């Protein structure tokens, strides 16, 4: 069964929240010298960025056109790198994405969901 745009937008918001939590856990694990914890948290971040990209790919053209300032193609491309070109992942870019790119995406998604 296909999910609606509103469900997909909620999926994006949920994945943003989970990615942020995983990023916090990664920082704590890194400070504590917990290398396995760092790896697990990083994988959780990647998973949630993948979910965001997958949800974006399934959004209707109307939703995408309603927020032309959002880099939808770059978000989908990030999903493709994580899923198919994982050897090209640069951890520093992933951390920057969580800290700098997810907040404006969250604001845009919330605006799209507003009645």
PDB file of N, CA and C in Angstrom:
ATOM      1  N   UNK A   1       0.836  -1.176   0.000  1.00  0.00           N
ATOM      2  CA  UNK A   1       0.000   0.000   0.000  1.00  0.00           C
ATOM      3  C   UNK A   1       0.880   1.237   0.000  1.00  0.00           C
ATOM      4  N   UNK A   2       0.516   2.191  -0.808  1.00  0.00           N
ATOM      5  CA  UNK A   2       1.282   3.422  -0.933  1.00  0.00           C
ATOM      6  C   UNK A   2       0.999   4.362   0.240  1.00  0.00           C
ATOM      7  N   UNK A   3       2.029   5.075   0.641  1.00  0.00           N
ATOM      8  CA  UNK A   3       1.876   6.032   1.739  1.00  0.00           C
ATOM      9  C   UNK A   3       1.576   7.403   1.158  1.00  0.00           C
ATOM     10  N   UNK A   4       0.816   8.188   1.896  1.00  0.00           N
ATOM     11  CA  UNK A   4       0.447   9.526   1.451  1.00  0.00           C
ATOM     12  C   UNK A   4       1.624  10.489   1.638  1.00  0.00           C
ATOM     13  N   UNK A   5       1.513  11.656   1.003  1.00  0.00           N
ATOM     14  CA  UNK A   5       2.547  12.676   1.191  1.00  0.00           C
ATOM     15  C   UNK A   5       2.666  13.069   2.655  1.00  0.00           C
ATOM     16  N   UNK A   6       1.545  13.206   3.342  1.00  0.00           N
ATOM     17  CA  UNK A   6       1.622  13.601   4.751  1.00  0.00           C
ATOM     18  C   UNK A   6       2.331  12.527   5.579  1.00  0.00           C
ATOM     19  N   UNK A   7       2.111  11.268   5.270  1.00  0.00           N
ATOM     20  CA  UNK A   7       2.824  10.190   5.978  1.00  0.00           C
ATOM     21  C   UNK A   7       4.317  10.239   5.663  1.00  0.00           C
ATOM     22  N   UNK A   8       4.647  10.486   4.406  1.00  0.00           N
ATOM     23  CA  UNK A   8       6.062  10.577   4.013  1.00  0.00           C
ATOM     24  C   UNK A   8       6.733  11.768   4.690  1.00  0.00           C
ATOM     25  N   UNK A   9       6.036  12.894   4.755  1.00  0.00           N
ATOM     26  CA  UNK A   9       6.594  14.064   5.427  1.00  0.00           C
ATOM     27  C   UNK A   9       6.821  13.776   6.908  1.00  0.00           C
ATOM     28  N   UNK A  10       5.898  13.054   7.522  1.00  0.00           N
ATOM     29  CA  UNK A  10       6.087  12.670   8.926  1.00  0.00           C
ATOM     30  C   UNK A  10       7.265  11.710   9.058  1.00  0.00           C
ATOM     31  N   UNK A  11       7.437  10.807   8.087  1.00  0.00           N
ATOM     32  CA  UNK A  11       8.597   9.915   8.098  1.00  0.00           C
ATOM     33  C   UNK A  11       9.897  10.725   8.096  1.00  0.00           C
ATOM     34  N   UNK A  12       9.914  11.795   7.308  1.00  0.00           N
ATOM     35  CA  UNK A  12      11.103  12.651   7.236  1.00  0.00           C
ATOM     36  C   UNK A  12      11.361  13.297   8.592  1.00  0.00           C
ATOM     37  N   UNK A  13      10.319  13.844   9.200  1.00  0.00           N
ATOM     38  CA  UNK A  13      10.488  14.464  10.520  1.00  0.00           C
ATOM     39  C   UNK A  13      10.970  13.460  11.562  1.00  0.00           C
ATOM     40  N   UNK A  14      10.406  12.268  11.541  1.00  0.00           N
ATOM     41  CA  UNK A  14      10.837  11.232  12.490  1.00  0.00           C
ATOM     42  C   UNK A  14      12.295  10.859  12.272  1.00  0.00           C
ATOM     43  N   UNK A  15      12.694  10.715  11.010  1.00  0.00           N
ATOM     44  CA  UNK A  15      14.078  10.341  10.704  1.00  0.00           C
ATOM     45  C   UNK A  15      15.045  11.464  11.078  1.00  0.00           C
ATOM     46  N   UNK A  16      14.616  12.712  10.923  1.00  0.00           N
ATOM     47  CA  UNK A  16      15.456  13.833  11.344  1.00  0.00           C
ATOM     48  C   UNK A  16      15.696  13.749  12.853  1.00  0.00           C
ATOM     49  N   UNK A  17      14.636  13.529  13.612  1.00  0.00           N
ATOM     50  CA  UNK A  17      14.766  13.423  15.071  1.00  0.00           C
ATOM     51  C   UNK A  17      15.686  12.267  15.448  1.00  0.00           C
ATOM     52  N   UNK A  18      15.544  11.142  14.785  1.00  0.00           N
ATOM     53  CA  UNK A  18      16.377   9.980  15.095  1.00  0.00           C
ATOM     54  C   UNK A  18      17.833  10.220  14.703  1.00  0.00           C
ATOM     55  N   UNK A  19      18.060  10.891  13.589  1.00  0.00           N
ATOM     56  CA  UNK A  19      19.433  11.185  13.164  1.00  0.00           C
ATOM     57  C   UNK A  19      20.112  12.112  14.166  1.00  0.00           C
ATOM     58  N   UNK A  20      19.366  13.091  14.653  1.00  0.00           N
ATOM     59  CA  UNK A  20      19.934  14.004  15.655  1.00  0.00           C
ATOM     60  C   UNK A  20      20.286  13.255  16.939  1.00  0.00           C
ATOM     61  N   UNK A  21      19.404  12.390  17.379  1.00  0.00           N
ATOM     62  CA  UNK A  21      19.670  11.602  18.578  1.00  0.00           C
ATOM     63  C   UNK A  21      20.907  10.725  18.382  1.00  0.00           C
ATOM     64  N   UNK A  22      21.000  10.087  17.228  1.00  0.00           N
ATOM     65  CA  UNK A  22      22.161   9.241  16.948  1.00  0.00           C
ATOM     66  C   UNK A  22      23.440  10.070  16.904  1.00  0.00           C
ATOM     67  N   UNK A  23      23.342  11.296  16.376  1.00  0.00           N
ATOM     68  CA  UNK A  23      24.512  12.170  16.335  1.00  0.00           C
ATOM     69  C   UNK A  23      24.956  12.545  17.748  1.00  0.00           C
ATOM     70  N   UNK A  24      23.997  12.808  18.633  1.00  0.00           N
ATOM     71  CA  UNK A  24      24.342  13.093  20.036  1.00  0.00           C
ATOM     72  C   UNK A  24      25.018  11.885  20.678  1.00  0.00           C
ATOM     73  N   UNK A  25      24.459  10.703  20.412  1.00  0.00           N
ATOM     74  CA  UNK A  25      25.046   9.480  20.970  1.00  0.00           C
ATOM     75  C   UNK A  25      26.451   9.257  20.433  1.00  0.00           C
ATOM     76  N   UNK A  26      26.647   9.569  19.158  1.00  0.00           N
ATOM     77  CA  UNK A  26      27.962   9.409  18.551  1.00  0.00           C
ATOM     78  C   UNK A  26      28.970  10.309  19.256  1.00  0.00           C
ATOM     79  N   UNK A  27      28.585  11.563  19.508  1.00  0.00           N
ATOM     80  CA  UNK A  27      29.504  12.481  20.186  1.00  0.00           C
ATOM     81  C   UNK A  27      29.855  11.982  21.585  1.00  0.00           C
ATOM     82  N   UNK A  28      28.848  11.494  22.310  1.00  0.00           N
ATOM     83  CA  UNK A  28      29.107  10.960  23.653  1.00  0.00           C
ATOM     84  C   UNK A  28      30.014   9.740  23.595  1.00  0.00           C
ATOM     85  N   UNK A  29      29.760   8.860  22.644  1.00  0.00           N
ATOM     86  CA  UNK A  29      30.592   7.666  22.501  1.00  0.00           C
ATOM     87  C   UNK A  29      32.019   8.043  22.132  1.00  0.00           C
ATOM     88  N   UNK A  30      32.158   9.047  21.281  1.00  0.00           N
ATOM     89  CA  UNK A  30      33.486   9.486  20.854  1.00  0.00           C
ATOM     90  C   UNK A  30      34.263  10.060  22.034  1.00  0.00           C
ATOM     91  N   UNK A  31      33.618  10.897  22.821  1.00  0.00           N
ATOM     92  CA  UNK A  31      34.266  11.480  23.998  1.00  0.00           C
ATOM     93  C   UNK A  31      34.653  10.389  24.991  1.00  0.00           C
ATOM     94  N   UNK A  32      33.807   9.380  25.107  1.00  0.00           N
ATOM     95  CA  UNK A  32      34.080   8.291  26.045  1.00  0.00           C
ATOM     96  C   UNK A  32      35.008   7.220  25.509  1.00  0.00           C
ATOM     97  N   UNK A  33      35.482   7.389  24.284  1.00  0.00           N
ATOM     98  CA  UNK A  33      36.379   6.404  23.698  1.00  0.00           C
ATOM     99  C   UNK A  33      35.712   5.083  23.353  1.00  0.00           C
ATOM    100  N   UNK A  34      34.400   5.123  23.166  1.00  0.00           N
ATOM    101  CA  UNK A  34      33.619   3.919  22.858  1.00  0.00           C
ATOM    102  C   UNK A  34      33.528   3.740  21.340  1.00  0.00           C
ATOM    103  N   UNK A  35      34.560   3.129  20.748  1.00  0.00           N
ATOM    104  CA  UNK A  35      34.614   2.969  19.295  1.00  0.00           C
ATOM    105  C   UNK A  35      33.437   2.167  18.739  1.00  0.00           C
ATOM    106  N   UNK A  36      33.041   1.046  19.367  1.00  0.00           N
ATOM    107  CA  UNK A  36      31.853   0.352  18.854  1.00  0.00           C
ATOM    108  C   UNK A  36      30.604   1.244  18.915  1.00  0.00           C
ATOM    109  N   UNK A  37      30.470   2.033  19.974  1.00  0.00           N
ATOM    110  CA  UNK A  37      29.340   2.949  20.086  1.00  0.00           C
ATOM    111  C   UNK A  37      29.352   4.001  18.988  1.00  0.00           C
ATOM    112  N   UNK A  38      30.536   4.477  18.640  1.00  0.00           N
ATOM    113  CA  UNK A  38      30.673   5.443  17.546  1.00  0.00           C
ATOM    114  C   UNK A  38      30.199   4.816  16.237  1.00  0.00           C
ATOM    115  N   UNK A  39      30.637   3.609  15.967  1.00  0.00           N
ATOM    116  CA  UNK A  39      30.255   2.942  14.717  1.00  0.00           C
ATOM    117  C   UNK A  39      28.755   2.690  14.649  1.00  0.00           C
ATOM    118  N   UNK A  40      28.182   2.238  15.746  1.00  0.00           N
ATOM    119  CA  UNK A  40      26.743   1.963  15.773  1.00  0.00           C
ATOM    120  C   UNK A  40      25.953   3.255  15.574  1.00  0.00           C
ATOM    121  N   UNK A  41      26.352   4.314  16.252  1.00  0.00           N
ATOM    122  CA  UNK A  41      25.646   5.592  16.111  1.00  0.00           C
ATOM    123  C   UNK A  41      25.783   6.130  14.691  1.00  0.00           C
ATOM    124  N   UNK A  42      26.962   5.987  14.099  1.00  0.00           N
ATOM    125  CA  UNK A  42      27.155   6.464  12.723  1.00  0.00           C
ATOM    126  C   UNK A  42      26.259   5.685  11.760  1.00  0.00           C
ATOM    127  N   UNK A  43      26.154   4.389  11.962  1.00  0.00           N
ATOM    128  CA  UNK A  43      25.275   3.587  11.115  1.00  0.00           C
ATOM    129  C   UNK A  43      23.819   4.015  11.285  1.00  0.00           C
ATOM    130  N   UNK A  44      23.430   4.378  12.499  1.00  0.00           N
ATOM    131  CA  UNK A  44      22.064   4.852  12.730  1.00  0.00           C
ATOM    132  C   UNK A  44      21.819   6.166  11.997  1.00  0.00           C
ATOM    133  N   UNK A  45      22.810   7.040  11.993  1.00  0.00           N
ATOM    134  CA  UNK A  45      22.678   8.299  11.245  1.00  0.00           C
ATOM    135  C   UNK A  45      22.484   7.990   9.764  1.00  0.00           C
ATOM    136  N   UNK A  46      23.329   7.122   9.219  1.00  0.00           N
ATOM    137  CA  UNK A  46      23.215   6.774   7.799  1.00  0.00           C
ATOM    138  C   UNK A  46      21.843   6.187   7.479  1.00  0.00           C
ATOM    139  N   UNK A  47      21.369   5.316   8.343  1.00  0.00           N
ATOM    140  CA  UNK A  47      20.058   4.715   8.115  1.00  0.00           C
ATOM    141  C   UNK A  47      18.979   5.796   8.021  1.00  0.00           C
ATOM    142  N   UNK A  48      19.008   6.739   8.941  1.00  0.00           N
ATOM    143  CA  UNK A  48      17.975   7.771   8.949  1.00  0.00           C
ATOM    144  C   UNK A  48      18.103   8.727   7.773  1.00  0.00           C
ATOM    145  N   UNK A  49      19.315   9.021   7.332  1.00  0.00           N
ATOM    146  CA  UNK A  49      19.474   9.822   6.119  1.00  0.00           C
ATOM    147  C   UNK A  49      18.958   9.055   4.901  1.00  0.00           C
ATOM    148  N   UNK A  50      19.152   7.751   4.899  1.00  0.00           N
ATOM    149  CA  UNK A  50      18.613   6.904   3.827  1.00  0.00           C
ATOM    150  C   UNK A  50      17.082   6.971   3.826  1.00  0.00           C
ATOM    151  N   UNK A  51      16.475   6.872   5.005  1.00  0.00           N
ATOM    152  CA  UNK A  51      15.015   6.945   5.123  1.00  0.00           C
ATOM    153  C   UNK A  51      14.516   8.291   4.597  1.00  0.00           C
ATOM    154  N   UNK A  52      15.198   9.363   4.958  1.00  0.00           N
ATOM    155  CA  UNK A  52      14.804  10.685   4.474  1.00  0.00           C
ATOM    156  C   UNK A  52      14.837  10.723   2.951  1.00  0.00           C
ATOM    157  N   UNK A  53      15.924  10.246   2.382  1.00  0.00           N
ATOM    158  CA  UNK A  53      16.041  10.235   0.917  1.00  0.00           C
ATOM    159  C   UNK A  53      14.993   9.374   0.252  1.00  0.00           C
ATOM    160  N   UNK A  54      14.688   8.246   0.844  1.00  0.00           N
ATOM    161  CA  UNK A  54      13.671   7.346   0.288  1.00  0.00           C
ATOM    162  C   UNK A  54      12.302   8.015   0.341  1.00  0.00           C
ATOM    163  N   UNK A  55      12.001   8.671   1.451  1.00  0.00           N
ATOM    164  CA  UNK A  55      10.718   9.367   1.570  1.00  0.00           C
ATOM    165  C   UNK A  55      10.625  10.502   0.555  1.00  0.00           C
ATOM    166  N   UNK A  56      11.707  11.232   0.372  1.00  0.00           N
ATOM    167  CA  UNK A  56      11.726  12.327  -0.606  1.00  0.00           C
ATOM    168  C   UNK A  56      11.454  11.799  -2.006  1.00  0.00           C
ATOM    169  N   UNK A  57      12.062  10.682  -2.349  1.00  0.00           N
ATOM    170  CA  UNK A  57      11.864  10.111  -3.681  1.00  0.00           C
ATOM    171  C   UNK A  57      10.405   9.727  -3.941  1.00  0.00           C
ATOM    172  N   UNK A  58       9.655   9.482  -2.877  1.00  0.00           N
ATOM    173  CA  UNK A  58       8.264   9.046  -3.025  1.00  0.00           C
ATOM    174  C   UNK A  58       7.262  10.202  -2.932  1.00  0.00           C
ATOM    175  N   UNK A  59       7.743  11.416  -2.640  1.00  0.00           N
ATOM    176  CA  UNK A  59       6.826  12.554  -2.550  1.00  0.00           C
ATOM    177  C   UNK A  59       6.276  12.917  -3.926  1.00  0.00           C
ATOM    178  N   UNK A  60       5.081  13.440  -3.929  1.00  0.00           N
ATOM    179  CA  UNK A  60       4.444  13.838  -5.193  1.00  0.00           C
ATOM    180  C   UNK A  60       5.134  15.071  -5.766  1.00  0.00           C
ATOM    181  N   UNK A  61       5.045  15.248  -7.074  1.00  0.00           N
ATOM    182  CA  UNK A  61       5.604  16.446  -7.699  1.00  0.00           C
ATOM    183  C   UNK A  61       5.013  17.737  -7.117  1.00  0.00           C
ATOM    184  N   UNK A  62       3.761  17.685  -6.713  1.00  0.00           N
ATOM    185  CA  UNK A  62       3.117  18.876  -6.152  1.00  0.00           C
ATOM    186  C   UNK A  62       3.809  19.317  -4.863  1.00  0.00           C
ATOM    187  N   UNK A  63       4.154  18.372  -4.023  1.00  0.00           N
ATOM    188  CA  UNK A  63       4.851  18.698  -2.772  1.00  0.00           C
ATOM    189  C   UNK A  63       6.236  19.251  -3.082  1.00  0.00           C
ATOM    190  N   UNK A  64       6.946  18.601  -3.986  1.00  0.00           N
ATOM    191  CA  UNK A  64       8.294  19.057  -4.331  1.00  0.00           C
ATOM    192  C   UNK A  64       8.262  20.470  -4.899  1.00  0.00           C
ATOM    193  N   UNK A  65       7.289  20.750  -5.735  1.00  0.00           N
ATOM    194  CA  UNK A  65       7.160  22.077  -6.339  1.00  0.00           C
ATOM    195  C   UNK A  65       6.723  23.127  -5.325  1.00  0.00           C
ATOM    196  N   UNK A  66       6.042  22.705  -4.268  1.00  0.00           N
ATOM    197  CA  UNK A  66       5.574  23.646  -3.251  1.00  0.00           C
ATOM    198  C   UNK A  66       6.720  24.182  -2.387  1.00  0.00           C
ATOM    199  N   UNK A  67       7.869  23.537  -2.435  1.00  0.00           N
ATOM    200  CA  UNK A  67       9.045  23.973  -1.665  1.00  0.00           C
ATOM    201  C   UNK A  67      10.271  23.946  -2.572  1.00  0.00           C
ATOM    202  N   UNK A  68      10.324  24.858  -3.531  1.00  0.00           N
ATOM    203  CA  UNK A  68      11.431  24.829  -4.501  1.00  0.00           C
ATOM    204  C   UNK A  68      12.793  25.154  -3.891  1.00  0.00           C
ATOM    205  N   UNK A  69      12.810  25.735  -2.687  1.00  0.00           N
ATOM    206  CA  UNK A  69      14.078  26.070  -2.037  1.00  0.00           C
ATOM    207  C   UNK A  69      14.762  24.859  -1.398  1.00  0.00           C
ATOM    208  N   UNK A  70      14.022  23.769  -1.248  1.00  0.00           N
ATOM    209  CA  UNK A  70      14.594  22.557  -0.648  1.00  0.00           C
ATOM    210  C   UNK A  70      15.381  21.808  -1.732  1.00  0.00           C
ATOM    211  N   UNK A  71      16.609  21.401  -1.441  1.00  0.00           N
ATOM    212  CA  UNK A  71      17.413  20.683  -2.441  1.00  0.00           C
ATOM    213  C   UNK A  71      16.997  19.206  -2.544  1.00  0.00           C
ATOM    214  N   UNK A  72      15.788  18.973  -3.028  1.00  0.00           N
ATOM    215  CA  UNK A  72      15.226  17.619  -3.097  1.00  0.00           C
ATOM    216  C   UNK A  72      16.153  16.657  -3.838  1.00  0.00           C
ATOM    217  N   UNK A  73      16.722  17.107  -4.960  1.00  0.00           N
ATOM    218  CA  UNK A  73      17.592  16.214  -5.740  1.00  0.00           C
ATOM    219  C   UNK A  73      18.843  15.823  -4.967  1.00  0.00           C
ATOM    220  N   UNK A  74      19.397  16.757  -4.204  1.00  0.00           N
ATOM    221  CA  UNK A  74      20.586  16.431  -3.408  1.00  0.00           C
ATOM    222  C   UNK A  74      20.241  15.452  -2.290  1.00  0.00           C
ATOM    223  N   UNK A  75      19.061  15.611  -1.717  1.00  0.00           N
ATOM    224  CA  UNK A  75      18.630  14.693  -0.652  1.00  0.00           C
ATOM    225  C   UNK A  75      18.484  13.283  -1.220  1.00  0.00           C
ATOM    226  N   UNK A  76      17.847  13.173  -2.377  1.00  0.00           N
ATOM    227  CA  UNK A  76      17.692  11.866  -3.022  1.00  0.00           C
ATOM    228  C   UNK A  76      19.049  11.289  -3.418  1.00  0.00           C
ATOM    229  N   UNK A  77      19.960  12.156  -3.870  1.00  0.00           N
ATOM    230  CA  UNK A  77      21.290  11.693  -4.265  1.00  0.00           C
ATOM    231  C   UNK A  77      22.072  11.174  -3.063  1.00  0.00           C
ATOM    232  N   UNK A  78      21.884  11.789  -1.908  1.00  0.00           N
ATOM    233  CA  UNK A  78      22.548  11.308  -0.688  1.00  0.00           C
ATOM    234  C   UNK A  78      22.079   9.899  -0.369  1.00  0.00           C
ATOM    235  N   UNK A  79      20.779   9.658  -0.520  1.00  0.00           N
ATOM    236  CA  UNK A  79      20.227   8.316  -0.305  1.00  0.00           C
ATOM    237  C   UNK A  79      20.894   7.318  -1.244  1.00  0.00           C
ATOM    238  N   UNK A  80      21.097   7.724  -2.501  1.00  0.00           N
ATOM    239  CA  UNK A  80      21.702   6.822  -3.478  1.00  0.00           C
ATOM    240  C   UNK A  80      23.151   6.500  -3.125  1.00  0.00           C
ATOM    241  N   UNK A  81      23.876   7.498  -2.635  1.00  0.00           N
ATOM    242  CA  UNK A  81      25.265   7.247  -2.230  1.00  0.00           C
ATOM    243  C   UNK A  81      25.283   6.275  -1.055  1.00  0.00           C
ATOM    244  N   UNK A  82      24.432   6.512  -0.066  1.00  0.00           N
ATOM    245  CA  UNK A  82      24.399   5.620   1.093  1.00  0.00           C
ATOM    246  C   UNK A  82      24.038   4.200   0.678  1.00  0.00           C
ATOM    247  N   UNK A  83      23.084   4.066  -0.219  1.00  0.00           N
ATOM    248  CA  UNK A  83      22.603   2.748  -0.611  1.00  0.00           C
ATOM    249  C   UNK A  83      23.450   2.022  -1.634  1.00  0.00           C
ATOM    250  N   UNK A  84      24.094   2.788  -2.529  1.00  0.00           N
ATOM    251  CA  UNK A  84      24.775   2.135  -3.645  1.00  0.00           C
ATOM    252  C   UNK A  84      26.267   2.442  -3.739  1.00  0.00           C
ATOM    253  N   UNK A  85      26.682   3.571  -3.182  1.00  0.00           N
ATOM    254  CA  UNK A  85      28.086   3.966  -3.295  1.00  0.00           C
ATOM    255  C   UNK A  85      28.656   4.245  -1.900  1.00  0.00           C
ATOM    256  N   UNK A  86      28.311   3.356  -0.979  1.00  0.00           N
ATOM    257  CA  UNK A  86      28.677   3.504   0.429  1.00  0.00           C
ATOM    258  C   UNK A  86      30.160   3.719   0.639  1.00  0.00           C
ATOM    259  N   UNK A  87      30.977   3.244  -0.270  1.00  0.00           N
ATOM    260  CA  UNK A  87      32.425   3.412  -0.149  1.00  0.00           C
ATOM    261  C   UNK A  87      32.845   4.872  -0.340  1.00  0.00           C
ATOM    262  N   UNK A  88      31.941   5.713  -0.845  1.00  0.00           N
ATOM    263  CA  UNK A  88      32.227   7.132  -1.066  1.00  0.00           C
ATOM    264  C   UNK A  88      31.789   8.011   0.104  1.00  0.00           C
ATOM    265  N   UNK A  89      31.213   7.430   1.142  1.00  0.00           N
ATOM    266  CA  UNK A  89      30.705   8.212   2.272  1.00  0.00           C
ATOM    267  C   UNK A  89      31.870   8.881   3.002  1.00  0.00           C
ATOM    268  N   UNK A  90      31.701  10.171   3.246  1.00  0.00           N
ATOM    269  CA  UNK A  90      32.702  10.955   3.977  1.00  0.00           C
ATOM    270  C   UNK A  90      32.085  11.331   5.329  1.00  0.00           C
ATOM    271  N   UNK A  91      32.581  10.751   6.421  1.00  0.00           N
ATOM    272  CA  UNK A  91      31.967  11.001   7.726  1.00  0.00           C
ATOM    273  C   UNK A  91      31.785  12.480   8.063  1.00  0.00           C
ATOM    274  N   UNK A  92      32.758  13.301   7.748  1.00  0.00           N
ATOM    275  CA  UNK A  92      32.637  14.727   8.048  1.00  0.00           C
ATOM    276  C   UNK A  92      31.453  15.369   7.345  1.00  0.00           C
ATOM    277  N   UNK A  93      31.186  14.954   6.115  1.00  0.00           N
ATOM    278  CA  UNK A  93      30.034  15.488   5.387  1.00  0.00           C
ATOM    279  C   UNK A  93      28.724  15.001   5.994  1.00  0.00           C
ATOM    280  N   UNK A  94      28.732  13.793   6.497  1.00  0.00           N
ATOM    281  CA  UNK A  94      27.525  13.255   7.131  1.00  0.00           C
ATOM    282  C   UNK A  94      27.223  14.050   8.398  1.00  0.00           C
ATOM    283  N   UNK A  95      28.234  14.321   9.189  1.00  0.00           N
ATOM    284  CA  UNK A  95      28.033  15.099  10.417  1.00  0.00           C
ATOM    285  C   UNK A  95      27.556  16.513  10.087  1.00  0.00           C
ATOM    286  N   UNK A  96      28.130  17.123   9.056  1.00  0.00           N
ATOM    287  CA  UNK A  96      27.707  18.458   8.637  1.00  0.00           C
ATOM    288  C   UNK A  96      26.263  18.436   8.170  1.00  0.00           C
ATOM    289  N   UNK A  97      25.895  17.395   7.475  1.00  0.00           N
ATOM    290  CA  UNK A  97      24.515  17.264   7.012  1.00  0.00           C
ATOM    291  C   UNK A  97      23.544  17.259   8.182  1.00  0.00           C
ATOM    292  N   UNK A  98      23.865  16.474   9.209  1.00  0.00           N
ATOM    293  CA  UNK A  98      22.978  16.397  10.379  1.00  0.00           C
ATOM    294  C   UNK A  98      22.890  17.747  11.076  1.00  0.00           C
ATOM    295  N   UNK A  99      24.000  18.391  11.245  1.00  0.00           N
ATOM    296  CA  UNK A  99      24.026  19.629  12.034  1.00  0.00           C
ATOM    297  C   UNK A  99      23.576  20.857  11.264  1.00  0.00           C
ATOM    298  N   UNK A 100      23.863  20.911   9.957  1.00  0.00           N
ATOM    299  CA  UNK A 100      23.578  22.128   9.197  1.00  0.00           C
ATOM    300  C   UNK A 100      22.419  21.997   8.214  1.00  0.00           C
ATOM    301  N   UNK A 101      22.252  20.828   7.637  1.00  0.00           N
ATOM    302  CA  UNK A 101      21.244  20.687   6.574  1.00  0.00           C
ATOM    303  C   UNK A 101      19.889  20.195   7.077  1.00  0.00           C
ATOM    304  N   UNK A 102      19.881  19.427   8.150  1.00  0.00           N
ATOM    305  CA  UNK A 102      18.593  18.917   8.629  1.00  0.00           C
ATOM    306  C   UNK A 102      17.708  19.992   9.263  1.00  0.00           C
ATOM    307  N   UNK A 103      18.247  20.968   9.982  1.00  0.00           N
ATOM    308  CA  UNK A 103      17.347  21.991  10.545  1.00  0.00           C
ATOM    309  C   UNK A 103      16.516  22.748   9.503  1.00  0.00           C
ATOM    310  N   UNK A 104      17.113  23.242   8.400  1.00  0.00           N
ATOM    311  CA  UNK A 104      16.261  23.908   7.410  1.00  0.00           C
ATOM    312  C   UNK A 104      15.296  22.948   6.718  1.00  0.00           C
ATOM    313  N   UNK A 105      15.709  21.696   6.540  1.00  0.00           N
ATOM    314  CA  UNK A 105      14.788  20.711   5.964  1.00  0.00           C
ATOM    315  C   UNK A 105      13.605  20.512   6.889  1.00  0.00           C
ATOM    316  N   UNK A 106      13.879  20.403   8.177  1.00  0.00           N
ATOM    317  CA  UNK A 106      12.795  20.233   9.140  1.00  0.00           C
ATOM    318  C   UNK A 106      11.808  21.409   9.071  1.00  0.00           C
ATOM    319  N   UNK A 107      12.323  22.629   9.013  1.00  0.00           N
ATOM    320  CA  UNK A 107      11.445  23.801   8.925  1.00  0.00           C
ATOM    321  C   UNK A 107      10.584  23.751   7.667  1.00  0.00           C
ATOM    322  N   UNK A 108      11.178  23.373   6.559  1.00  0.00           N
ATOM    323  CA  UNK A 108      10.434  23.300   5.297  1.00  0.00           C
ATOM    324  C   UNK A 108       9.362  22.223   5.343  1.00  0.00           C
ATOM    325  N   UNK A 109       9.702  21.071   5.900  1.00  0.00           N
ATOM    326  CA  UNK A 109       8.727  19.969   5.987  1.00  0.00           C
ATOM    327  C   UNK A 109       7.577  20.379   6.905  1.00  0.00           C
ATOM    328  N   UNK A 110       7.887  21.003   8.011  1.00  0.00           N
ATOM    329  CA  UNK A 110       6.830  21.465   8.919  1.00  0.00           C
ATOM    330  C   UNK A 110       5.910  22.476   8.219  1.00  0.00           C
ATOM    331  N   UNK A 111       6.490  23.349   7.426  1.00  0.00           N
ATOM    332  CA  UNK A 111       5.686  24.329   6.686  1.00  0.00           C
ATOM    333  C   UNK A 111       4.792  23.626   5.658  1.00  0.00           C
ATOM    334  N   UNK A 112       5.291  22.601   5.027  1.00  0.00           N
ATOM    335  CA  UNK A 112       4.483  21.842   4.063  1.00  0.00           C
ATOM    336  C   UNK A 112       3.327  21.119   4.741  1.00  0.00           C
ATOM    337  N   UNK A 113       3.535  20.735   5.993  1.00  0.00           N
ATOM    338  CA  UNK A 113       2.507  20.004   6.724  1.00  0.00           C
ATOM    339  C   UNK A 113       1.464  20.914   7.374  1.00  0.00           C
ATOM    340  N   UNK A 114       1.803  22.201   7.457  1.00  0.00           N
ATOM    341  CA  UNK A 114       0.878  23.138   8.110  1.00  0.00           C
ATOM    342  C   UNK A 114      -0.418  23.255   7.310  1.00  0.00           C
ATOM    343  N   UNK A 115      -1.548  23.334   8.018  1.00  0.00           N
ATOM    344  CA  UNK A 115      -2.826  23.429   7.296  1.00  0.00           C
ATOM    345  C   UNK A 115      -2.999  24.749   6.582  1.00  0.00           C
TER     346      UNK A 115
END
